[in-house]
All heavy atoms as atom14 arrays in JSON, in Angstrom:
{
  "sequence": "CISSSDESTYYADSVKGRFTISRDNAKNTLVLQMNSLKPEDT",
  "atom14_mask": [
    [1, 1, 1, 1, 1, 1, 0, 0, 0, 0, 0, 0, 0, 0],
    [1, 1, 1, 1, 1, 1, 1, 1, 0, 0, 0, 0, 0, 0],
    [1, 1, 1, 1, 1, 1, 0, 0, 0, 0, 0, 0, 0, 0],
    [1, 1, 1, 1, 1, 1, 0, 0, 0, 0, 0, 0, 0, 0],
    [1, 1, 1, 1, 1, 1, 0, 0, 0, 0, 0, 0, 0, 0],
    [1, 1, 1, 1, 1, 1, 1, 1, 0, 0, 0, 0, 0, 0],
    [1, 1, 1, 1, 1, 1, 1, 1, 1, 0, 0, 0, 0, 0],
    [1, 1, 1, 1, 1, 1, 0, 0, 0, 0, 0, 0, 0, 0],
    [1, 1, 1, 1, 1, 1, 1, 0, 0, 0, 0, 0, 0, 0],
    [1, 1, 1, 1, 1, 1, 1, 1, 1, 1, 1, 1, 0, 0],
    [1, 1, 1, 1, 1, 1, 1, 1, 1, 1, 1, 1, 0, 0],
    [1, 1, 1, 1, 1, 0, 0, 0, 0, 0, 0, 0, 0, 0],
    [1, 1, 1, 1, 1, 1, 1, 1, 0, 0, 0, 0, 0, 0],
    [1, 1, 1, 1, 1, 1, 0, 0, 0, 0, 0, 0, 0, 0],
    [1, 1, 1, 1, 1, 1, 1, 0, 0, 0, 0, 0, 0, 0],
    [1, 1, 1, 1, 1, 1, 1, 1, 1, 0, 0, 0, 0, 0],
    [1, 1, 1, 1, 0, 0, 0, 0, 0, 0, 0, 0, 0, 0],
    [1, 1, 1, 1, 1, 1, 1, 1, 1, 1, 1, 0, 0, 0],
    [1, 1, 1, 1, 1, 1, 1, 1, 1, 1, 1, 0, 0, 0],
    [1, 1, 1, 1, 1, 1, 1, 0, 0, 0, 0, 0, 0, 0],
    [1, 1, 1, 1, 1, 1, 1, 1, 0, 0, 0, 0, 0, 0],
    [1, 1, 1, 1, 1, 1, 0, 0, 0, 0, 0, 0, 0, 0],
    [1, 1, 1, 1, 1, 1, 1, 1, 1, 1, 1, 0, 0, 0],
    [1, 1, 1, 1, 1, 1, 1, 1, 0, 0, 0, 0, 0, 0],
    [1, 1, 1, 1, 1, 1, 1, 1, 0, 0, 0, 0, 0, 0],
    [1, 1, 1, 1, 1, 0, 0, 0, 0, 0, 0, 0, 0, 0],
    [1, 1, 1, 1, 1, 1, 1, 1, 1, 0, 0, 0, 0, 0],
    [1, 1, 1, 1, 1, 1, 1, 1, 0, 0, 0, 0, 0, 0],
    [1, 1, 1, 1, 1, 1, 1, 0, 0, 0, 0, 0, 0, 0],
    [1, 1, 1, 1, 1, 1, 1, 1, 0, 0, 0, 0, 0, 0],
    [1, 1, 1, 1, 1, 1, 1, 0, 0, 0, 0, 0, 0, 0],
    [1, 1, 1, 1, 1, 1, 1, 1, 0, 0, 0, 0, 0, 0],
    [1, 1, 1, 1, 1, 1, 1, 1, 1, 0, 0, 0, 0, 0],
    [1, 1, 1, 1, 1, 1, 1, 1, 0, 0, 0, 0, 0, 0],
    [1, 1, 1, 1, 1, 1, 1, 1, 0, 0, 0, 0, 0, 0],
    [1, 1, 1, 1, 1, 1, 0, 0, 0, 0, 0, 0, 0, 0],
    [1, 1, 1, 1, 1, 1, 1, 1, 0, 0, 0, 0, 0, 0],
    [1, 1, 1, 1, 1, 1, 1, 1, 1, 0, 0, 0, 0, 0],
    [1, 1, 1, 1, 1, 1, 1, 0, 0, 0, 0, 0, 0, 0],
    [1, 1, 1, 1, 1, 1, 1, 1, 1, 0, 0, 0, 0, 0],
    [1, 1, 1, 1, 1, 1, 1, 1, 0, 0, 0, 0, 0, 0],
    [1, 1, 1, 1, 1, 1, 1, 0, 0, 0, 0, 0, 0, 0]
  ],
  "atom14_positions": [
    [[-6.29, 9.79, -12.44], [-7.19, 10.53, -11.52], [-8.52, 9.83, -11.63], [-8.86, 9.28, -12.77], [-7.23, 11.99, -11.83], [-5.82, 12.91, -11.54], [0.0, 0.0, 0.0], [0.0, 0.0, 0.0], [0.0, 0.0, 0.0], [0.0, 0.0, 0.0], [0.0, 0.0, 0.0], [0.0, 0.0, 0.0], [0.0, 0.0, 0.0], [0.0, 0.0, 0.0]],
    [[-9.33, 10.0, -10.53], [-10.63, 9.37, -10.52], [-11.58, 10.28, -9.74], [-11.03, 10.88, -8.82], [-10.54, 8.01, -9.97], [-11.9, 7.32, -10.18], [-10.12, 8.0, -8.57], [-11.77, 5.76, -9.82], [0.0, 0.0, 0.0], [0.0, 0.0, 0.0], [0.0, 0.0, 0.0], [0.0, 0.0, 0.0], [0.0, 0.0, 0.0], [0.0, 0.0, 0.0]],
    [[-12.87, 10.21, -10.04], [-13.83, 11.02, -9.37], [-14.3, 10.26, -8.08], [-14.36, 9.02, -8.13], [-15.03, 11.49, -10.15], [-15.76, 10.41, -10.69], [0.0, 0.0, 0.0], [0.0, 0.0, 0.0], [0.0, 0.0, 0.0], [0.0, 0.0, 0.0], [0.0, 0.0, 0.0], [0.0, 0.0, 0.0], [0.0, 0.0, 0.0], [0.0, 0.0, 0.0]],
    [[-14.83, 10.93, -7.14], [-15.32, 10.26, -5.96], [-16.78, 9.72, -6.13], [-17.19, 8.83, -5.42], [-15.42, 11.25, -4.74], [-16.3, 12.33, -5.01], [0.0, 0.0, 0.0], [0.0, 0.0, 0.0], [0.0, 0.0, 0.0], [0.0, 0.0, 0.0], [0.0, 0.0, 0.0], [0.0, 0.0, 0.0], [0.0, 0.0, 0.0], [0.0, 0.0, 0.0]],
    [[-17.59, 10.27, -7.05], [-18.9, 9.95, -7.22], [-19.29, 9.18, -8.4], [-20.43, 8.65, -8.51], [-19.81, 11.28, -7.25], [-19.35, 12.09, -8.34], [0.0, 0.0, 0.0], [0.0, 0.0, 0.0], [0.0, 0.0, 0.0], [0.0, 0.0, 0.0], [0.0, 0.0, 0.0], [0.0, 0.0, 0.0], [0.0, 0.0, 0.0], [0.0, 0.0, 0.0]],
    [[-18.45, 8.91, -9.24], [-18.61, 8.05, -10.38], [-17.37, 7.4, -10.74], [-16.44, 7.39, -9.96], [-19.31, 8.8, -11.54], [-18.41, 9.91, -12.14], [-17.13, 9.9, -11.95], [-18.98, 10.87, -12.68], [0.0, 0.0, 0.0], [0.0, 0.0, 0.0], [0.0, 0.0, 0.0], [0.0, 0.0, 0.0], [0.0, 0.0, 0.0], [0.0, 0.0, 0.0]],
    [[-17.3, 6.75, -12.0], [-16.16, 6.08, -12.37], [-15.37, 6.8, -13.43], [-14.68, 6.12, -14.35], [-16.46, 4.57, -12.99], [-17.14, 3.78, -11.79], [-17.39, 2.3, -12.27], [-17.34, 2.13, -13.47], [-17.71, 1.48, -11.34], [0.0, 0.0, 0.0], [0.0, 0.0, 0.0], [0.0, 0.0, 0.0], [0.0, 0.0, 0.0], [0.0, 0.0, 0.0]],
    [[-15.5, 8.08, -13.47], [-14.8, 8.93, -14.49], [-13.23, 8.79, -14.06], [-12.87, 9.13, -12.95], [-15.28, 10.3, -14.41], [-14.5, 11.14, -15.3], [0.0, 0.0, 0.0], [0.0, 0.0, 0.0], [0.0, 0.0, 0.0], [0.0, 0.0, 0.0], [0.0, 0.0, 0.0], [0.0, 0.0, 0.0], [0.0, 0.0, 0.0], [0.0, 0.0, 0.0]],
    [[-12.46, 8.43, -15.11], [-11.04, 8.29, -14.8], [-10.22, 8.9, -15.97], [-10.65, 9.22, -17.05], [-10.64, 6.79, -14.78], [-11.05, 6.09, -16.03], [-11.28, 6.12, -13.51], [0.0, 0.0, 0.0], [0.0, 0.0, 0.0], [0.0, 0.0, 0.0], [0.0, 0.0, 0.0], [0.0, 0.0, 0.0], [0.0, 0.0, 0.0], [0.0, 0.0, 0.0]],
    [[-8.97, 9.16, -15.56], [-7.99, 9.6, -16.57], [-6.73, 8.79, -16.36], [-6.31, 8.47, -15.23], [-7.58, 11.12, -16.35], [-6.37, 11.58, -17.14], [-6.39, 12.16, -18.26], [-5.17, 11.43, -16.48], [-5.23, 12.54, -18.95], [-3.97, 11.8, -17.08], [-4.07, 12.34, -18.36], [-2.96, 12.71, -18.89], [0.0, 0.0, 0.0], [0.0, 0.0, 0.0]],
    [[-6.09, 8.39, -17.45], [-4.79, 7.76, -17.52], [-3.92, 8.46, -18.46], [-4.25, 8.75, -19.53], [-4.91, 6.3, -17.82], [-5.68, 5.5, -16.85], [-6.98, 5.15, -17.01], [-4.98, 4.85, -15.79], [-7.53, 4.34, -16.04], [-5.57, 4.11, -14.84], [-6.93, 3.89, -15.05], [-7.57, 2.91, -14.14], [0.0, 0.0, 0.0], [0.0, 0.0, 0.0]],
    [[-2.69, 8.69, -18.03], [-1.64, 9.19, -18.94], [-1.42, 8.15, -20.04], [-1.46, 6.88, -19.78], [-0.33, 9.46, -18.21], [0.0, 0.0, 0.0], [0.0, 0.0, 0.0], [0.0, 0.0, 0.0], [0.0, 0.0, 0.0], [0.0, 0.0, 0.0], [0.0, 0.0, 0.0], [0.0, 0.0, 0.0], [0.0, 0.0, 0.0], [0.0, 0.0, 0.0]],
    [[-1.08, 8.63, -21.18], [-0.88, 7.68, -22.33], [0.27, 6.8, -22.0], [0.17, 5.51, -22.42], [-0.59, 8.48, -23.63], [-1.77, 9.15, -24.22], [-2.85, 8.91, -23.79], [-1.52, 10.19, -25.03], [0.0, 0.0, 0.0], [0.0, 0.0, 0.0], [0.0, 0.0, 0.0], [0.0, 0.0, 0.0], [0.0, 0.0, 0.0], [0.0, 0.0, 0.0]],
    [[1.21, 7.13, -21.28], [2.36, 6.28, -20.97], [2.02, 5.1, -20.11], [2.77, 4.17, -19.98], [3.52, 7.12, -20.38], [3.06, 7.72, -19.12], [0.0, 0.0, 0.0], [0.0, 0.0, 0.0], [0.0, 0.0, 0.0], [0.0, 0.0, 0.0], [0.0, 0.0, 0.0], [0.0, 0.0, 0.0], [0.0, 0.0, 0.0], [0.0, 0.0, 0.0]],
    [[0.93, 5.19, -19.35], [0.61, 4.1, -18.45], [-0.64, 3.36, -18.74], [-1.12, 2.38, -18.12], [0.47, 4.58, -16.93], [1.7, 5.44, -16.59], [-0.76, 5.49, -16.81], [0.0, 0.0, 0.0], [0.0, 0.0, 0.0], [0.0, 0.0, 0.0], [0.0, 0.0, 0.0], [0.0, 0.0, 0.0], [0.0, 0.0, 0.0], [0.0, 0.0, 0.0]],
    [[-1.4, 3.7, -19.83], [-2.63, 3.08, -20.18], [-2.43, 1.64, -20.56], [-1.4, 1.25, -21.15], [-3.21, 3.68, -21.45], [-3.97, 5.1, -21.09], [-4.51, 5.59, -22.44], [-5.13, 7.06, -22.06], [-5.77, 7.63, -23.3], [0.0, 0.0, 0.0], [0.0, 0.0, 0.0], [0.0, 0.0, 0.0], [0.0, 0.0, 0.0], [0.0, 0.0, 0.0]],
    [[-3.26, 0.76, -20.06], [-3.13, -0.71, -20.22], [-2.13, -1.31, -19.19], [-2.14, -2.7, -19.06], [0.0, 0.0, 0.0], [0.0, 0.0, 0.0], [0.0, 0.0, 0.0], [0.0, 0.0, 0.0], [0.0, 0.0, 0.0], [0.0, 0.0, 0.0], [0.0, 0.0, 0.0], [0.0, 0.0, 0.0], [0.0, 0.0, 0.0], [0.0, 0.0, 0.0]],
    [[-1.47, -0.59, -18.42], [-0.53, -1.14, -17.37], [-0.92, -0.75, -15.94], [-0.73, -1.62, -14.95], [0.89, -0.7, -17.66], [1.33, -1.02, -19.1], [2.94, -0.7, -19.09], [3.15, 0.7, -19.03], [3.95, 1.32, -18.07], [4.5, 0.55, -17.21], [4.15, 2.62, -18.1], [0.0, 0.0, 0.0], [0.0, 0.0, 0.0], [0.0, 0.0, 0.0]],
    [[-1.44, 0.43, -15.78], [-1.81, 0.84, -14.38], [-3.37, 0.97, -14.26], [-4.08, 1.25, -15.25], [-1.23, 2.32, -14.17], [0.21, 2.38, -14.08], [1.08, 1.24, -14.34], [0.8, 3.59, -13.58], [2.4, 1.54, -14.24], [2.11, 3.67, -13.49], [2.93, 2.68, -13.79], [0.0, 0.0, 0.0], [0.0, 0.0, 0.0], [0.0, 0.0, 0.0]],
    [[-3.88, 0.66, -13.15], [-5.27, 0.72, -12.86], [-5.52, 1.49, -11.45], [-4.9, 1.17, -10.45], [-5.9, -0.67, -12.71], [-5.62, -1.42, -13.96], [-7.42, -0.56, -12.47], [0.0, 0.0, 0.0], [0.0, 0.0, 0.0], [0.0, 0.0, 0.0], [0.0, 0.0, 0.0], [0.0, 0.0, 0.0], [0.0, 0.0, 0.0], [0.0, 0.0, 0.0]],
    [[-6.35, 2.45, -11.54], [-6.77, 3.28, -10.34], [-8.0, 2.77, -9.88], [-9.01, 2.42, -10.59], [-6.74, 4.84, -10.65], [-6.78, 5.57, -9.36], [-7.91, 5.1, -11.61], [-6.49, 7.07, -9.59], [0.0, 0.0, 0.0], [0.0, 0.0, 0.0], [0.0, 0.0, 0.0], [0.0, 0.0, 0.0], [0.0, 0.0, 0.0], [0.0, 0.0, 0.0]],
    [[-8.2, 2.81, -8.5], [-9.42, 2.34, -7.93], [-9.56, 3.23, -6.6], [-8.61, 3.59, -6.0], [-9.53, 0.92, -7.72], [-8.48, 0.44, -6.85], [0.0, 0.0, 0.0], [0.0, 0.0, 0.0], [0.0, 0.0, 0.0], [0.0, 0.0, 0.0], [0.0, 0.0, 0.0], [0.0, 0.0, 0.0], [0.0, 0.0, 0.0], [0.0, 0.0, 0.0]],
    [[-10.7, 3.2, -6.13], [-11.14, 3.9, -4.82], [-12.01, 3.24, -4.01], [-12.83, 2.38, -4.44], [-11.53, 5.38, -5.1], [-12.75, 5.38, -5.97], [-13.34, 6.72, -6.08], [-14.36, 6.82, -7.13], [-15.63, 6.4, -6.96], [-16.03, 5.86, -5.8], [-16.52, 6.38, -7.95], [0.0, 0.0, 0.0], [0.0, 0.0, 0.0], [0.0, 0.0, 0.0]],
    [[-11.99, 3.45, -2.7], [-12.92, 2.98, -1.71], [-13.39, 4.07, -1.01], [-12.69, 4.43, 0.03], [-12.33, 1.87, -0.85], [-13.19, 1.1, 0.02], [-14.21, 1.71, 0.36], [-12.92, -0.12, 0.35], [0.0, 0.0, 0.0], [0.0, 0.0, 0.0], [0.0, 0.0, 0.0], [0.0, 0.0, 0.0], [0.0, 0.0, 0.0], [0.0, 0.0, 0.0]],
    [[-14.53, 4.57, -1.29], [-15.03, 5.75, -0.48], [-15.23, 5.55, 1.02], [-15.06, 6.4, 1.73], [-16.36, 6.21, -1.24], [-16.14, 6.86, -2.51], [-15.05, 7.37, -2.86], [-17.12, 6.92, -3.42], [0.0, 0.0, 0.0], [0.0, 0.0, 0.0], [0.0, 0.0, 0.0], [0.0, 0.0, 0.0], [0.0, 0.0, 0.0], [0.0, 0.0, 0.0]],
    [[-15.72, 4.31, 1.26], [-16.12, 4.06, 2.64], [-14.77, 4.06, 3.52], [-14.81, 4.36, 4.69], [-16.85, 2.68, 2.77], [0.0, 0.0, 0.0], [0.0, 0.0, 0.0], [0.0, 0.0, 0.0], [0.0, 0.0, 0.0], [0.0, 0.0, 0.0], [0.0, 0.0, 0.0], [0.0, 0.0, 0.0], [0.0, 0.0, 0.0], [0.0, 0.0, 0.0]],
    [[-13.71, 3.56, 2.91], [-12.49, 3.44, 3.64], [-11.53, 4.71, 3.18], [-10.45, 4.72, 3.91], [-11.74, 2.19, 3.26], [-12.55, 0.91, 3.79], [-11.73, -0.28, 3.46], [-12.41, -1.58, 3.89], [-11.67, -2.85, 3.53], [0.0, 0.0, 0.0], [0.0, 0.0, 0.0], [0.0, 0.0, 0.0], [0.0, 0.0, 0.0], [0.0, 0.0, 0.0]],
    [[-11.87, 5.58, 2.47], [-11.07, 6.76, 2.01], [-9.76, 6.32, 1.55], [-8.73, 6.84, 2.07], [-11.04, 7.64, 3.21], [-12.37, 8.3, 3.51], [-12.89, 8.19, 4.67], [-13.06, 8.98, 2.54], [0.0, 0.0, 0.0], [0.0, 0.0, 0.0], [0.0, 0.0, 0.0], [0.0, 0.0, 0.0], [0.0, 0.0, 0.0], [0.0, 0.0, 0.0]],
    [[-9.7, 5.29, 0.74], [-8.54, 4.71, 0.29], [-8.39, 4.82, -1.28], [-9.41, 4.43, -1.93], [-8.25, 3.29, 0.78], [-8.31, 3.32, 2.24], [-6.95, 2.7, 0.37], [0.0, 0.0, 0.0], [0.0, 0.0, 0.0], [0.0, 0.0, 0.0], [0.0, 0.0, 0.0], [0.0, 0.0, 0.0], [0.0, 0.0, 0.0], [0.0, 0.0, 0.0]],
    [[-7.19, 5.15, -1.76], [-6.94, 5.14, -3.19], [-5.85, 4.22, -3.52], [-4.86, 4.15, -2.75], [-6.58, 6.52, -3.62], [-6.27, 6.77, -5.1], [-7.63, 6.81, -5.9], [-5.59, 8.1, -5.28], [0.0, 0.0, 0.0], [0.0, 0.0, 0.0], [0.0, 0.0, 0.0], [0.0, 0.0, 0.0], [0.0, 0.0, 0.0], [0.0, 0.0, 0.0]],
    [[-5.97, 3.39, -4.67], [-5.09, 2.38, -4.93], [-4.63, 2.6, -6.37], [-5.34, 3.0, -7.27], [-5.71, 1.03, -4.7], [-4.62, -0.01, -5.34], [-6.01, 0.73, -3.28], [0.0, 0.0, 0.0], [0.0, 0.0, 0.0], [0.0, 0.0, 0.0], [0.0, 0.0, 0.0], [0.0, 0.0, 0.0], [0.0, 0.0, 0.0], [0.0, 0.0, 0.0]],
    [[-3.37, 2.35, -6.65], [-2.73, 2.33, -7.95], [-2.08, 1.07, -8.16], [-1.05, 0.82, -7.56], [-1.89, 3.51, -8.29], [-1.3, 3.67, -9.7], [-2.56, 4.03, -10.57], [-0.22, 4.65, -9.82], [0.0, 0.0, 0.0], [0.0, 0.0, 0.0], [0.0, 0.0, 0.0], [0.0, 0.0, 0.0], [0.0, 0.0, 0.0], [0.0, 0.0, 0.0]],
    [[-2.68, 0.13, -8.94], [-2.08, -1.03, -9.33], [-1.14, -0.85, -10.56], [-1.66, -0.46, -11.6], [-3.06, -2.21, -9.54], [-2.49, -3.52, -9.89], [-1.69, -4.14, -8.76], [-2.05, -4.22, -7.73], [-0.59, -4.68, -9.15], [0.0, 0.0, 0.0], [0.0, 0.0, 0.0], [0.0, 0.0, 0.0], [0.0, 0.0, 0.0], [0.0, 0.0, 0.0]],
    [[0.16, -1.16, -10.45], [1.13, -0.93, -11.54], [1.67, -2.17, -11.98], [2.26, -2.89, -11.12], [2.16, 0.02, -11.02], [1.62, 1.39, -10.44], [3.05, 2.51, -10.05], [3.8, 1.71, -8.84], [0.0, 0.0, 0.0], [0.0, 0.0, 0.0], [0.0, 0.0, 0.0], [0.0, 0.0, 0.0], [0.0, 0.0, 0.0], [0.0, 0.0, 0.0]],
    [[1.36, -2.53, -13.18], [1.9, -3.76, -13.77], [2.79, -3.45, -14.95], [2.83, -2.36, -15.46], [0.68, -4.64, -14.21], [-0.1, -5.17, -13.22], [0.23, -5.36, -12.04], [-1.41, -5.2, -13.41], [0.0, 0.0, 0.0], [0.0, 0.0, 0.0], [0.0, 0.0, 0.0], [0.0, 0.0, 0.0], [0.0, 0.0, 0.0], [0.0, 0.0, 0.0]],
    [[3.58, -4.41, -15.34], [4.52, -4.35, -16.5], [5.39, -3.05, -16.32], [5.48, -2.3, -17.24], [3.71, -4.36, -17.73], [2.96, -5.47, -17.86], [0.0, 0.0, 0.0], [0.0, 0.0, 0.0], [0.0, 0.0, 0.0], [0.0, 0.0, 0.0], [0.0, 0.0, 0.0], [0.0, 0.0, 0.0], [0.0, 0.0, 0.0], [0.0, 0.0, 0.0]],
    [[5.9, -2.88, -15.15], [6.75, -1.71, -14.91], [7.93, -1.56, -15.73], [8.53, -2.53, -16.08], [7.01, -1.59, -13.39], [5.84, -1.25, -12.47], [6.2, -1.64, -11.02], [5.7, 0.22, -12.57], [0.0, 0.0, 0.0], [0.0, 0.0, 0.0], [0.0, 0.0, 0.0], [0.0, 0.0, 0.0], [0.0, 0.0, 0.0], [0.0, 0.0, 0.0]],
    [[8.19, -0.28, -16.15], [9.26, 0.06, -16.96], [10.27, 1.01, -16.24], [9.86, 1.67, -15.33], [8.82, 0.8, -18.22], [7.84, -0.03, -19.0], [7.41, 0.81, -20.28], [6.36, 0.02, -21.11], [5.87, 0.86, -22.15], [0.0, 0.0, 0.0], [0.0, 0.0, 0.0], [0.0, 0.0, 0.0], [0.0, 0.0, 0.0], [0.0, 0.0, 0.0]],
    [[11.5, 1.03, -16.67], [12.49, 1.97, -15.96], [11.99, 3.38, -16.09], [12.28, 4.21, -15.01], [13.76, 1.82, -16.76], [13.75, 0.4, -17.26], [12.22, 0.11, -17.58], [0.0, 0.0, 0.0], [0.0, 0.0, 0.0], [0.0, 0.0, 0.0], [0.0, 0.0, 0.0], [0.0, 0.0, 0.0], [0.0, 0.0, 0.0], [0.0, 0.0, 0.0]],
    [[11.3, 3.73, -17.01], [10.8, 5.11, -17.29], [9.69, 5.49, -16.22], [9.28, 6.62, -16.09], [10.12, 5.3, -18.64], [11.11, 5.24, -19.74], [11.61, 3.81, -20.08], [10.85, 2.94, -19.77], [12.71, 3.65, -20.64], [0.0, 0.0, 0.0], [0.0, 0.0, 0.0], [0.0, 0.0, 0.0], [0.0, 0.0, 0.0], [0.0, 0.0, 0.0]],
    [[9.18, 4.44, -15.42], [8.21, 4.67, -14.44], [8.84, 5.06, -13.13], [8.17, 5.44, -12.13], [7.38, 3.42, -14.13], [6.59, 3.06, -15.37], [5.91, 3.93, -15.95], [6.4, 1.81, -15.68], [0.0, 0.0, 0.0], [0.0, 0.0, 0.0], [0.0, 0.0, 0.0], [0.0, 0.0, 0.0], [0.0, 0.0, 0.0], [0.0, 0.0, 0.0]],
    [[10.1, 5.1, -13.11], [10.85, 5.44, -11.8], [10.63, 6.92, -11.51], [10.73, 7.87, -12.43], [12.36, 5.28, -12.0], [12.63, 3.81, -12.11], [13.09, 5.81, -10.79], [0.0, 0.0, 0.0], [0.0, 0.0, 0.0], [0.0, 0.0, 0.0], [0.0, 0.0, 0.0], [0.0, 0.0, 0.0], [0.0, 0.0, 0.0], [0.0, 0.0, 0.0]]
  ]
}
């Protein structure tokens, strides 16, 4: 999760270091980049 007004974020322990969240307020778009995917991410 991420806030709209700053860069405060939360990551589940299971995805830290592998997933990255980002936002574009102007475009109202949220992105989750998922790397090093595991079967448990299904």
